[in-house]
Amino acid sequence: MYSNKDFRYFRLANFYTAAFLFAKGLELVNIDRTDPKHSQFVFKDCPERELLVRRFNFAPEDSPEVLIDVRKFVMAIKMLKDKLYQGGI
């Protein structure tokens, strides 16, 4: 359904990067559990996604581009864990 070659979607396995993208408002469309040891989060791709991932990985500490309300980030983590372990999307 969401193939690796479908450029409308962005896939990643890193949980905290996925939580960051989710907290920033990107749409999670699926969690690929084909490999039970390494699930992949599938997001609907958008133009700002590449910039968000780059900032998450390489921005200096306390950079305003990556600061998120902690409550929003905690909620994103909880929601992703619920979806990951309960199979809901």
Protein backbone atom coordinates (compact mmCIF):
# COMPACT_ATOMS: atom_id res chain seq x y z
CA MET A 1 0.00 0.00 0.00
CA TYR A 2 2.77 2.47 0.93
CA SER A 3 5.71 1.21 -1.08
CA ASN A 4 9.30 2.35 -0.62
CA LYS A 5 9.15 3.82 -4.14
CA ASP A 6 6.02 5.93 -3.58
CA PHE A 7 7.34 9.48 -3.29
CA ARG A 8 4.10 10.76 -1.74
CA TYR A 9 5.19 9.15 1.51
CA PHE A 10 8.24 9.43 3.74
CA ARG A 11 9.33 6.39 5.77
CA LEU A 12 11.63 6.27 8.76
CA ALA A 13 12.39 3.92 11.63
CA ASN A 14 13.73 6.41 14.18
CA PHE A 15 11.07 6.78 16.89
CA TYR A 16 12.09 10.21 18.20
CA THR A 17 12.42 11.74 14.74
CA ALA A 18 8.94 10.38 14.00
CA ALA A 19 7.64 11.91 17.26
CA PHE A 20 9.20 15.26 16.31
CA LEU A 21 7.59 15.20 12.85
CA PHE A 22 4.25 14.16 14.36
CA ALA A 23 4.44 16.98 16.94
CA LYS A 24 5.24 19.41 14.12
CA GLY A 25 2.00 18.42 12.40
CA LEU A 26 3.04 15.95 9.71
CA GLU A 27 0.38 13.36 8.96
CA LEU A 28 1.19 9.80 10.03
CA VAL A 29 -0.58 7.50 7.57
CA ASN A 30 0.72 4.07 8.57
CA ILE A 31 3.16 2.07 10.65
CA ASP A 32 4.78 -0.64 8.55
CA ARG A 33 5.27 -3.69 10.76
CA THR A 34 6.51 -6.02 8.01
CA ASP A 35 9.68 -6.58 10.03
CA PRO A 36 8.50 -7.05 13.64
CA LYS A 37 11.89 -5.93 15.02
CA HIS A 38 12.06 -2.70 12.98
CA SER A 39 8.77 -0.94 12.37
CA GLN A 40 8.74 2.03 10.01
CA PHE A 41 6.65 5.13 10.43
CA VAL A 42 5.04 6.27 7.18
CA PHE A 43 4.21 9.97 6.86
CA LYS A 44 2.49 11.80 4.06
CA ASP A 45 5.40 13.70 2.52
CA CYS A 46 5.39 17.48 2.25
CA PRO A 47 7.89 20.12 1.14
CA GLU A 48 8.94 21.14 4.68
CA ARG A 49 9.64 17.55 5.81
CA GLU A 50 13.22 17.53 4.52
CA LEU A 51 14.01 20.78 6.35
CA LEU A 52 12.40 19.54 9.58
CA VAL A 53 14.43 16.31 9.53
CA ARG A 54 17.64 18.21 8.79
CA ARG A 55 16.96 20.63 11.64
CA PHE A 56 16.10 17.81 14.05
CA ASN A 57 19.36 16.02 13.26
CA PHE A 58 21.79 18.92 12.85
CA ALA A 59 20.47 22.13 14.44
CA PRO A 60 22.50 23.51 17.33
CA GLU A 61 21.23 22.88 20.84
CA ASP A 62 18.45 25.31 21.86
CA SER A 63 17.92 26.32 18.24
CA PRO A 64 14.46 27.93 17.93
CA GLU A 65 13.71 25.81 14.83
CA VAL A 66 13.61 22.61 16.88
CA LEU A 67 12.10 23.81 20.13
CA ILE A 68 8.71 22.22 20.85
CA ASP A 69 6.33 22.59 23.76
CA VAL A 70 7.24 19.61 25.94
CA ARG A 71 3.57 18.70 26.44
CA LYS A 72 3.10 18.49 22.67
CA PHE A 73 6.17 16.25 22.32
CA VAL A 74 5.07 13.97 25.19
CA MET A 75 1.61 13.64 23.61
CA ALA A 76 3.22 12.79 20.25
CA ILE A 77 5.34 10.10 21.94
CA LYS A 78 2.29 8.64 23.72
CA MET A 79 0.20 8.62 20.56
CA LEU A 80 2.95 6.97 18.49
CA LYS A 81 3.51 4.31 21.16
CA ASP A 82 -0.24 3.62 21.30
CA LYS A 83 -0.37 3.25 17.52
CA LEU A 84 2.80 1.18 17.44
CA TYR A 85 1.80 -1.31 20.12
CA GLN A 86 -1.93 -1.46 19.57
CA GLY A 87 -1.83 -1.57 15.78
CA GLY A 88 -4.05 1.45 15.33
CA ILE A 89 -4.01 3.79 12.35
